Protein backbone atom coordinates (compact mmCIF):
# COMPACT_ATOMS: atom_id res chain seq x y z
CA MET A 1 -2.75 -8.81 -11.37
CA SER A 2 -6.39 -8.39 -10.49
CA THR A 3 -8.35 -5.57 -12.51
CA VAL A 4 -8.49 -2.53 -9.68
CA ALA A 5 -11.06 0.56 -10.39
CA PRO A 6 -8.42 3.16 -10.09
CA ASP A 7 -10.46 5.17 -7.30
CA ARG A 8 -11.39 1.96 -5.13
CA LEU A 9 -9.01 1.76 -1.80
CA LEU A 10 -6.95 -1.54 -2.12
CA ASP A 11 -6.84 -4.14 0.62
CA VAL A 12 -3.34 -5.37 2.09
CA GLU A 13 -3.85 -8.55 -0.38
CA GLU A 14 -3.66 -5.99 -3.24
CA ALA A 15 -1.24 -3.49 -1.64
CA ALA A 16 1.62 -5.89 -1.28
CA GLU A 17 0.95 -6.95 -4.58
CA LEU A 18 1.41 -3.91 -6.09
CA ILE A 19 4.79 -2.92 -4.38
CA GLY A 20 5.85 -6.45 -4.17
CA VAL A 21 6.14 -7.64 -0.60
CA PRO A 22 4.71 -9.73 1.68
CA VAL A 23 1.33 -8.96 3.73
CA SER A 24 3.13 -9.48 6.57
CA TRP A 25 5.64 -6.68 5.64
CA ILE A 26 2.51 -3.95 4.87
CA GLN A 27 1.13 -5.13 8.27
CA ARG A 28 4.38 -3.81 9.91
CA ALA A 29 4.74 -0.66 8.19
CA CYS A 30 1.13 0.14 8.57
CA ARG A 31 1.97 -0.47 12.48
CA ALA A 32 4.78 1.53 12.47
CA ASP A 33 3.49 4.43 10.32
CA GLU A 34 5.77 4.17 7.34
CA ILE A 35 3.42 3.86 4.97
CA PRO A 36 0.61 5.47 3.83
CA HIS A 37 -2.44 4.14 4.85
CA VAL A 38 -6.48 4.65 6.08
CA ARG A 39 -7.98 3.11 8.97
CA VAL A 40 -11.23 1.98 8.20
CA GLY A 41 -12.64 0.60 11.76
CA ARG A 42 -10.32 -2.43 12.03
CA TYR A 43 -9.33 -2.60 8.21
CA ILE A 44 -6.32 -0.95 6.83
CA ARG A 45 -7.09 0.25 3.49
CA PHE A 46 -4.73 1.32 0.75
CA ARG A 47 -5.21 4.53 -1.90
CA ARG A 48 -2.80 3.51 -4.94
CA GLU A 49 -2.24 7.15 -6.03
CA SER A 50 -0.78 7.00 -2.72
CA LEU A 51 1.46 3.56 -2.46
CA GLU A 52 2.87 4.79 -6.15
CA ALA A 53 3.70 7.93 -5.00
CA TRP A 54 6.00 6.42 -1.38
CA VAL A 55 7.52 3.90 -4.05
CA ALA A 56 8.75 6.92 -6.34
CA GLN A 57 9.91 8.81 -3.22
CA LYS A 58 11.72 5.68 -1.92
CA GLU A 59 13.61 5.43 -5.27
CA ARG A 60 17.21 6.01 -5.09
CA GLY A 61 19.93 5.94 -7.27
CA GLY A 62 19.62 7.14 -11.74
């Protein structure tokens, strides 16, 4: 896993690696507004904290 400054926005590949899904899944989820993301022009970026909170919210069981 790459070393990323905690306050830097992640790109699609880094977001996919962080949550363990294919890039294509991330892209589909963004188009459907199912995952927190930021549009910067034509680019899609992610805040690590938002993705981690989203994953925690989706967690079931336990």
